[in-house]
Protein backbone atom coordinates (compact mmCIF):
# COMPACT_ATOMS: atom_id res chain seq x y z
CA MET A 1 -24.18 6.58 -36.31
CA LEU A 2 -21.67 4.51 -37.85
CA ASP A 3 -19.31 7.38 -35.39
CA ALA A 4 -21.17 6.75 -32.23
CA ALA A 5 -20.86 2.84 -32.47
CA ALA A 6 -17.05 3.35 -33.15
CA LEU A 7 -17.24 5.17 -30.40
CA LEU A 8 -18.60 3.42 -27.75
CA ILE A 9 -16.58 0.15 -28.80
CA VAL A 10 -13.35 2.21 -28.41
CA MET A 11 -14.54 3.07 -25.06
CA LEU A 12 -15.71 -0.29 -24.04
CA TRP A 13 -11.94 -1.57 -24.97
CA LEU A 14 -10.50 0.43 -22.85
CA SER A 15 -12.13 0.58 -20.04
CA ALA A 16 -12.00 -3.18 -20.03
CA CYS A 17 -8.38 -2.55 -20.00
CA ALA A 18 -8.53 -0.40 -16.35
CA MET A 19 -5.68 -2.04 -14.13
CA GLY A 20 -7.41 -1.07 -10.68
CA GLY A 21 -10.20 -2.28 -9.05
CA SER A 22 -13.49 -0.40 -7.88
CA ASP A 23 -13.21 -2.21 -4.59
CA THR A 24 -10.03 -0.52 -3.40
CA ARG A 25 -10.59 1.62 0.14
CA ALA A 26 -9.18 4.75 1.44
CA PRO A 27 -6.96 4.29 4.69
CA CYS A 28 -8.65 4.60 7.89
CA PRO A 29 -8.20 7.86 9.99
CA SER A 30 -6.44 7.36 13.44
CA VAL A 31 -8.57 6.98 16.86
CA VAL A 32 -6.92 9.94 19.23
CA GLU A 33 -6.62 8.13 22.22
CA TYR A 34 -7.91 9.89 25.32
CA THR A 35 -6.44 9.04 29.59
CA ALA A 36 -8.60 7.93 31.87
CA ALA A 37 -8.11 11.41 33.81
CA ASP A 38 -9.47 13.38 30.03
CA GLN A 39 -12.54 11.01 30.09
CA ALA A 40 -13.47 11.38 33.39
CA GLN A 41 -13.14 15.43 33.61
CA ALA A 42 -15.51 15.12 29.89
CA ALA A 43 -17.48 13.39 31.53
CA ASP A 44 -17.58 15.64 34.46
CA ASP A 45 -18.14 18.90 31.84
CA VAL A 46 -21.14 17.00 29.96
CA GLU A 47 -22.88 16.23 33.59
CA ALA A 48 -22.59 20.27 34.13
CA LEU A 49 -24.39 20.99 30.96
CA PRO A 50 -27.72 22.02 30.71
CA GLU A 51 -30.55 20.53 30.14
CA GLY A 52 -31.08 19.57 26.42
CA ALA A 53 -27.56 20.99 25.37
CA VAL A 54 -27.12 20.41 21.28
CA VAL A 55 -23.72 19.25 22.68
CA VAL A 56 -24.37 16.08 24.30
CA ARG A 57 -26.17 14.77 20.91
CA MET A 58 -23.02 16.04 19.02
CA LEU A 59 -20.80 14.15 21.29
CA SER A 60 -22.90 10.89 20.99
CA ASP A 61 -22.76 11.53 17.36
CA TYR A 62 -18.93 11.54 17.78
CA ALA A 63 -18.46 8.25 19.31
CA VAL A 64 -20.31 6.44 16.57
CA LEU A 65 -17.86 7.77 13.96
CA ARG A 66 -14.99 6.75 16.61
CA ASP A 67 -16.79 3.39 16.61
CA GLN A 68 -16.79 3.21 12.39
CA VAL A 69 -13.23 4.04 12.63
CA ARG A 70 -12.47 1.26 14.56
CA ALA A 71 -14.21 -1.13 12.90
CA CYS A 72 -12.84 0.17 10.00
CA ARG A 73 -9.61 -1.35 11.04
């Protein structure tokens, strides 16, 4: 029992000396910029897709991720 208590005390003592904070954040990824022509072509391509195409939902998810990356900055 004494060994377990001593180990716990040592572990708590060592963790109290940690220098790094737990609130550090990973760097934000960059957002790829597209030209107006690229965006217009993409819009035309999406409109040509069949009704209910899964890739439209995936593009919507991608747009949300891009917004989150912008907010990260």
